[in-house]
Amino acid sequence: MAATATFSINMYSAPTARAFSPCEIESRMDSEAGVKARVFKDSAYLTIQVPAAFSVDTANWLSAEGLI
């Protein structure tokens, strides 16, 4: 089993997270950052799981999008 990194974004703390759909994040991260992500969204959190080797690229992309 490969190591994963998980980013949990509280949508009440980061209102811009509410505007994104999981499919949109997955496709944009793949095309813009080259990261294969799994994204889950519920009423309070946006959760992004990526291979641990791509955690820095993911953090940079999330920061650029204003999500963290």
PDB file of N, CA and C in Angstrom:
ATOM      1  N   MET A   1       0.849  -1.182   0.000  1.00  0.00           N
ATOM      2  CA  MET A   1       0.000   0.000   0.000  1.00  0.00           C
ATOM      3  C   MET A   1       0.887   1.235   0.000  1.00  0.00           C
ATOM      4  N   ALA A   2       0.605   2.163  -0.858  1.00  0.00           N
ATOM      5  CA  ALA A   2       1.381   3.397  -0.967  1.00  0.00           C
ATOM      6  C   ALA A   2       0.935   4.393   0.102  1.00  0.00           C
ATOM      7  N   ALA A   3       1.877   5.190   0.570  1.00  0.00           N
ATOM      8  CA  ALA A   3       1.565   6.222   1.564  1.00  0.00           C
ATOM      9  C   ALA A   3       0.767   7.343   0.909  1.00  0.00           C
ATOM     10  N   THR A   4      -0.173   7.877   1.668  1.00  0.00           N
ATOM     11  CA  THR A   4      -0.980   8.981   1.158  1.00  0.00           C
ATOM     12  C   THR A   4      -0.896  10.174   2.094  1.00  0.00           C
ATOM     13  N   ALA A   5      -1.171  11.328   1.540  1.00  0.00           N
ATOM     14  CA  ALA A   5      -1.293  12.561   2.322  1.00  0.00           C
ATOM     15  C   ALA A   5      -2.745  13.006   2.217  1.00  0.00           C
ATOM     16  N   THR A   6      -3.288  13.475   3.313  1.00  0.00           N
ATOM     17  CA  THR A   6      -4.681  13.913   3.337  1.00  0.00           C
ATOM     18  C   THR A   6      -4.749  15.364   3.786  1.00  0.00           C
ATOM     19  N   PHE A   7      -5.457  16.165   3.012  1.00  0.00           N
ATOM     20  CA  PHE A   7      -5.692  17.562   3.339  1.00  0.00           C
ATOM     21  C   PHE A   7      -7.182  17.694   3.651  1.00  0.00           C
ATOM     22  N   SER A   8      -7.504  18.194   4.824  1.00  0.00           N
ATOM     23  CA  SER A   8      -8.897  18.433   5.206  1.00  0.00           C
ATOM     24  C   SER A   8      -9.087  19.928   5.361  1.00  0.00           C
ATOM     25  N   ILE A   9     -10.003  20.465   4.590  1.00  0.00           N
ATOM     26  CA  ILE A   9     -10.249  21.903   4.595  1.00  0.00           C
ATOM     27  C   ILE A   9     -11.634  22.151   5.167  1.00  0.00           C
ATOM     28  N   ASN A  10     -11.684  22.880   6.245  1.00  0.00           N
ATOM     29  CA  ASN A  10     -12.949  23.253   6.855  1.00  0.00           C
ATOM     30  C   ASN A  10     -13.575  24.341   5.991  1.00  0.00           C
ATOM     31  N   MET A  11     -14.736  24.062   5.418  1.00  0.00           N
ATOM     32  CA  MET A  11     -15.356  25.007   4.486  1.00  0.00           C
ATOM     33  C   MET A  11     -15.879  26.262   5.176  1.00  0.00           C
ATOM     34  N   TYR A  12     -16.058  26.232   6.495  1.00  0.00           N
ATOM     35  CA  TYR A  12     -16.477  27.430   7.210  1.00  0.00           C
ATOM     36  C   TYR A  12     -15.300  28.375   7.404  1.00  0.00           C
ATOM     37  N   SER A  13     -14.090  27.819   7.477  1.00  0.00           N
ATOM     38  CA  SER A  13     -12.884  28.630   7.617  1.00  0.00           C
ATOM     39  C   SER A  13     -12.366  29.104   6.265  1.00  0.00           C
ATOM     40  N   ALA A  14     -12.651  28.351   5.220  1.00  0.00           N
ATOM     41  CA  ALA A  14     -12.198  28.682   3.865  1.00  0.00           C
ATOM     42  C   ALA A  14     -13.401  28.701   2.935  1.00  0.00           C
ATOM     43  N   PRO A  15     -14.156  29.806   2.929  1.00  0.00           N
ATOM     44  CA  PRO A  15     -15.383  29.870   2.132  1.00  0.00           C
ATOM     45  C   PRO A  15     -15.190  29.591   0.642  1.00  0.00           C
ATOM     46  N   THR A  16     -14.004  29.850   0.097  1.00  0.00           N
ATOM     47  CA  THR A  16     -13.787  29.567  -1.326  1.00  0.00           C
ATOM     48  C   THR A  16     -13.885  28.078  -1.624  1.00  0.00           C
ATOM     49  N   ALA A  17     -13.676  27.239  -0.617  1.00  0.00           N
ATOM     50  CA  ALA A  17     -13.761  25.785  -0.817  1.00  0.00           C
ATOM     51  C   ALA A  17     -15.170  25.358  -1.207  1.00  0.00           C
ATOM     52  N   ARG A  18     -16.172  26.107  -0.789  1.00  0.00           N
ATOM     53  CA  ARG A  18     -17.565  25.751  -1.112  1.00  0.00           C
ATOM     54  C   ARG A  18     -17.861  25.851  -2.602  1.00  0.00           C
ATOM     55  N   ALA A  19     -17.105  26.677  -3.307  1.00  0.00           N
ATOM     56  CA  ALA A  19     -17.359  26.912  -4.726  1.00  0.00           C
ATOM     57  C   ALA A  19     -16.834  25.794  -5.621  1.00  0.00           C
ATOM     58  N   PHE A  20     -15.986  24.933  -5.096  1.00  0.00           N
ATOM     59  CA  PHE A  20     -15.368  23.886  -5.898  1.00  0.00           C
ATOM     60  C   PHE A  20     -16.113  22.566  -5.753  1.00  0.00           C
ATOM     61  N   SER A  21     -16.279  21.863  -6.874  1.00  0.00           N
ATOM     62  CA  SER A  21     -16.830  20.507  -6.823  1.00  0.00           C
ATOM     63  C   SER A  21     -15.660  19.523  -6.787  1.00  0.00           C
ATOM     64  N   PRO A  22     -15.854  18.356  -6.201  1.00  0.00           N
ATOM     65  CA  PRO A  22     -14.768  17.368  -6.169  1.00  0.00           C
ATOM     66  C   PRO A  22     -14.225  17.026  -7.560  1.00  0.00           C
ATOM     67  N   CYS A  23     -15.101  16.861  -8.530  1.00  0.00           N
ATOM     68  CA  CYS A  23     -14.652  16.522  -9.892  1.00  0.00           C
ATOM     69  C   CYS A  23     -13.796  17.629 -10.487  1.00  0.00           C
ATOM     70  N   GLU A  24     -14.171  18.873 -10.238  1.00  0.00           N
ATOM     71  CA  GLU A  24     -13.412  20.007 -10.754  1.00  0.00           C
ATOM     72  C   GLU A  24     -12.006  20.034 -10.152  1.00  0.00           C
ATOM     73  N   ILE A  25     -11.905  19.810  -8.852  1.00  0.00           N
ATOM     74  CA  ILE A  25     -10.599  19.801  -8.202  1.00  0.00           C
ATOM     75  C   ILE A  25      -9.744  18.667  -8.734  1.00  0.00           C
ATOM     76  N   GLU A  26     -10.319  17.474  -8.840  1.00  0.00           N
ATOM     77  CA  GLU A  26      -9.560  16.327  -9.346  1.00  0.00           C
ATOM     78  C   GLU A  26      -9.023  16.592 -10.743  1.00  0.00           C
ATOM     79  N   SER A  27      -9.857  17.096 -11.634  1.00  0.00           N
ATOM     80  CA  SER A  27      -9.409  17.307 -13.009  1.00  0.00           C
ATOM     81  C   SER A  27      -8.410  18.455 -13.109  1.00  0.00           C
ATOM     82  N   ARG A  28      -8.621  19.523 -12.370  1.00  0.00           N
ATOM     83  CA  ARG A  28      -7.682  20.656 -12.425  1.00  0.00           C
ATOM     84  C   ARG A  28      -6.335  20.308 -11.793  1.00  0.00           C
ATOM     85  N   MET A  29      -6.350  19.555 -10.700  1.00  0.00           N
ATOM     86  CA  MET A  29      -5.073  19.155 -10.088  1.00  0.00           C
ATOM     87  C   MET A  29      -4.300  18.249 -11.040  1.00  0.00           C
ATOM     88  N   ASP A  30      -5.001  17.376 -11.736  1.00  0.00           N
ATOM     89  CA  ASP A  30      -4.356  16.482 -12.690  1.00  0.00           C
ATOM     90  C   ASP A  30      -3.747  17.279 -13.844  1.00  0.00           C
ATOM     91  N   SER A  31      -4.511  18.198 -14.418  1.00  0.00           N
ATOM     92  CA  SER A  31      -4.018  18.929 -15.583  1.00  0.00           C
ATOM     93  C   SER A  31      -3.027  20.031 -15.233  1.00  0.00           C
ATOM     94  N   GLU A  32      -3.196  20.702 -14.100  1.00  0.00           N
ATOM     95  CA  GLU A  32      -2.342  21.837 -13.759  1.00  0.00           C
ATOM     96  C   GLU A  32      -1.131  21.465 -12.912  1.00  0.00           C
ATOM     97  N   ALA A  33      -1.267  20.471 -12.043  1.00  0.00           N
ATOM     98  CA  ALA A  33      -0.174  20.121 -11.136  1.00  0.00           C
ATOM     99  C   ALA A  33       0.376  18.717 -11.377  1.00  0.00           C
ATOM    100  N   GLY A  34      -0.296  17.943 -12.227  1.00  0.00           N
ATOM    101  CA  GLY A  34       0.152  16.584 -12.498  1.00  0.00           C
ATOM    102  C   GLY A  34      -0.047  15.641 -11.326  1.00  0.00           C
ATOM    103  N   VAL A  35      -1.046  15.935 -10.492  1.00  0.00           N
ATOM    104  CA  VAL A  35      -1.302  15.143  -9.290  1.00  0.00           C
ATOM    105  C   VAL A  35      -2.643  14.434  -9.428  1.00  0.00           C
ATOM    106  N   LYS A  36      -2.634  13.134  -9.227  1.00  0.00           N
ATOM    107  CA  LYS A  36      -3.879  12.346  -9.213  1.00  0.00           C
ATOM    108  C   LYS A  36      -4.447  12.401  -7.801  1.00  0.00           C
ATOM    109  N   ALA A  37      -5.566  13.049  -7.650  1.00  0.00           N
ATOM    110  CA  ALA A  37      -6.164  13.234  -6.324  1.00  0.00           C
ATOM    111  C   ALA A  37      -7.530  12.580  -6.256  1.00  0.00           C
ATOM    112  N   ARG A  38      -7.906  12.215  -5.038  1.00  0.00           N
ATOM    113  CA  ARG A  38      -9.279  11.781  -4.746  1.00  0.00           C
ATOM    114  C   ARG A  38      -9.836  12.856  -3.833  1.00  0.00           C
ATOM    115  N   VAL A  39     -10.995  13.392  -4.193  1.00  0.00           N
ATOM    116  CA  VAL A  39     -11.572  14.501  -3.433  1.00  0.00           C
ATOM    117  C   VAL A  39     -12.964  14.113  -2.950  1.00  0.00           C
ATOM    118  N   PHE A  40     -13.222  14.403  -1.693  1.00  0.00           N
ATOM    119  CA  PHE A  40     -14.514  14.125  -1.069  1.00  0.00           C
ATOM    120  C   PHE A  40     -15.014  15.414  -0.442  1.00  0.00           C
ATOM    121  N   LYS A  41     -16.314  15.626  -0.507  1.00  0.00           N
ATOM    122  CA  LYS A  41     -16.901  16.838   0.044  1.00  0.00           C
ATOM    123  C   LYS A  41     -18.154  16.467   0.820  1.00  0.00           C
ATOM    124  N   ASP A  42     -18.258  16.989   2.027  1.00  0.00           N
ATOM    125  CA  ASP A  42     -19.506  16.836   2.775  1.00  0.00           C
ATOM    126  C   ASP A  42     -19.946  18.231   3.204  1.00  0.00           C
ATOM    127  N   SER A  43     -20.828  18.319   4.137  1.00  0.00           N
ATOM    128  CA  SER A  43     -21.380  19.631   4.492  1.00  0.00           C
ATOM    129  C   SER A  43     -20.377  20.544   5.187  1.00  0.00           C
ATOM    130  N   ALA A  44     -19.324  19.992   5.767  1.00  0.00           N
ATOM    131  CA  ALA A  44     -18.386  20.826   6.522  1.00  0.00           C
ATOM    132  C   ALA A  44     -16.947  20.784   6.007  1.00  0.00           C
ATOM    133  N   TYR A  45     -16.568  19.684   5.355  1.00  0.00           N
ATOM    134  CA  TYR A  45     -15.166  19.525   4.976  1.00  0.00           C
ATOM    135  C   TYR A  45     -14.976  19.151   3.515  1.00  0.00           C
ATOM    136  N   LEU A  46     -13.864  19.614   2.982  1.00  0.00           N
ATOM    137  CA  LEU A  46     -13.368  19.203   1.687  1.00  0.00           C
ATOM    138  C   LEU A  46     -12.112  18.391   1.996  1.00  0.00           C
ATOM    139  N   THR A  47     -12.094  17.123   1.615  1.00  0.00           N
ATOM    140  CA  THR A  47     -10.973  16.241   1.929  1.00  0.00           C
ATOM    141  C   THR A  47     -10.304  15.821   0.632  1.00  0.00           C
ATOM    142  N   ILE A  48      -8.990  16.017   0.571  1.00  0.00           N
ATOM    143  CA  ILE A  48      -8.212  15.702  -0.622  1.00  0.00           C
ATOM    144  C   ILE A  48      -7.148  14.689  -0.249  1.00  0.00           C
ATOM    145  N   GLN A  49      -7.139  13.546  -0.941  1.00  0.00           N
ATOM    146  CA  GLN A  49      -6.136  12.515  -0.705  1.00  0.00           C
ATOM    147  C   GLN A  49      -5.262  12.391  -1.939  1.00  0.00           C
ATOM    148  N   VAL A  50      -3.956  12.404  -1.706  1.00  0.00           N
ATOM    149  CA  VAL A  50      -2.979  12.302  -2.797  1.00  0.00           C
ATOM    150  C   VAL A  50      -1.850  11.371  -2.357  1.00  0.00           C
ATOM    151  N   PRO A  51      -1.083  10.831  -3.322  1.00  0.00           N
ATOM    152  CA  PRO A  51       0.116  10.087  -2.937  1.00  0.00           C
ATOM    153  C   PRO A  51       1.038  11.015  -2.138  1.00  0.00           C
ATOM    154  N   ALA A  52       1.646  10.501  -1.079  1.00  0.00           N
ATOM    155  CA  ALA A  52       2.484  11.326  -0.203  1.00  0.00           C
ATOM    156  C   ALA A  52       3.604  12.039  -0.958  1.00  0.00           C
ATOM    157  N   ALA A  53       4.115  11.416  -2.002  1.00  0.00           N
ATOM    158  CA  ALA A  53       5.198  12.028  -2.777  1.00  0.00           C
ATOM    159  C   ALA A  53       4.772  13.343  -3.430  1.00  0.00           C
ATOM    160  N   PHE A  54       3.472  13.559  -3.580  1.00  0.00           N
ATOM    161  CA  PHE A  54       2.969  14.765  -4.225  1.00  0.00           C
ATOM    162  C   PHE A  54       2.365  15.760  -3.240  1.00  0.00           C
ATOM    163  N   SER A  55       2.624  15.573  -1.957  1.00  0.00           N
ATOM    164  CA  SER A  55       2.009  16.451  -0.958  1.00  0.00           C
ATOM    165  C   SER A  55       2.442  17.909  -1.104  1.00  0.00           C
ATOM    166  N   VAL A  56       3.701  18.152  -1.450  1.00  0.00           N
ATOM    167  CA  VAL A  56       4.170  19.539  -1.623  1.00  0.00           C
ATOM    168  C   VAL A  56       3.511  20.171  -2.837  1.00  0.00           C
ATOM    169  N   ASP A  57       3.438  19.433  -3.953  1.00  0.00           N
ATOM    170  CA  ASP A  57       2.770  19.964  -5.150  1.00  0.00           C
ATOM    171  C   ASP A  57       1.302  20.256  -4.862  1.00  0.00           C
ATOM    172  N   THR A  58       0.676  19.378  -4.105  1.00  0.00           N
ATOM    173  CA  THR A  58      -0.729  19.573  -3.752  1.00  0.00           C
ATOM    174  C   THR A  58      -0.897  20.808  -2.881  1.00  0.00           C
ATOM    175  N   ALA A  59      -0.061  20.957  -1.877  1.00  0.00           N
ATOM    176  CA  ALA A  59      -0.145  22.131  -0.998  1.00  0.00           C
ATOM    177  C   ALA A  59       0.066  23.417  -1.782  1.00  0.00           C
ATOM    178  N   ASN A  60       1.011  23.407  -2.704  1.00  0.00           N
ATOM    179  CA  ASN A  60       1.251  24.596  -3.529  1.00  0.00           C
ATOM    180  C   ASN A  60       0.037  24.930  -4.391  1.00  0.00           C
ATOM    181  N   TRP A  61      -0.578  23.902  -4.981  1.00  0.00           N
ATOM    182  CA  TRP A  61      -1.743  24.124  -5.829  1.00  0.00           C
ATOM    183  C   TRP A  61      -2.921  24.639  -4.996  1.00  0.00           C
ATOM    184  N   LEU A  62      -3.156  24.027  -3.845  1.00  0.00           N
ATOM    185  CA  LEU A  62      -4.255  24.458  -2.978  1.00  0.00           C
ATOM    186  C   LEU A  62      -4.039  25.900  -2.517  1.00  0.00           C
ATOM    187  N   SER A  63      -2.814  26.238  -2.223  1.00  0.00           N
ATOM    188  CA  SER A  63      -2.502  27.611  -1.807  1.00  0.00           C
ATOM    189  C   SER A  63      -2.755  28.592  -2.950  1.00  0.00           C
ATOM    190  N   ALA A  64      -2.317  28.238  -4.148  1.00  0.00           N
ATOM    191  CA  ALA A  64      -2.521  29.114  -5.302  1.00  0.00           C
ATOM    192  C   ALA A  64      -4.007  29.331  -5.597  1.00  0.00           C
ATOM    193  N   GLU A  65      -4.831  28.339  -5.298  1.00  0.00           N
ATOM    194  CA  GLU A  65      -6.264  28.448  -5.529  1.00  0.00           C
ATOM    195  C   GLU A  65      -6.980  29.144  -4.363  1.00  0.00           C
ATOM    196  N   GLY A  66      -6.244  29.464  -3.305  1.00  0.00           N
ATOM    197  CA  GLY A  66      -6.841  30.141  -2.150  1.00  0.00           C
ATOM    198  C   GLY A  66      -7.607  29.227  -1.225  1.00  0.00           C
ATOM    199  N   LEU A  67      -7.326  27.946  -1.297  1.00  0.00           N
ATOM    200  CA  LEU A  67      -8.044  26.986  -0.449  1.00  0.00           C
ATOM    201  C   LEU A  67      -7.360  26.766   0.892  1.00  0.00           C
ATOM    202  N   ILE A  68      -6.062  26.998   0.946  1.00  0.00           N
ATOM    203  CA  ILE A  68      -5.340  26.919   2.238  1.00  0.00           C
ATOM    204  C   ILE A  68      -4.453  28.124   2.375  1.00  0.00           C
TER     205      ILE A  68
END
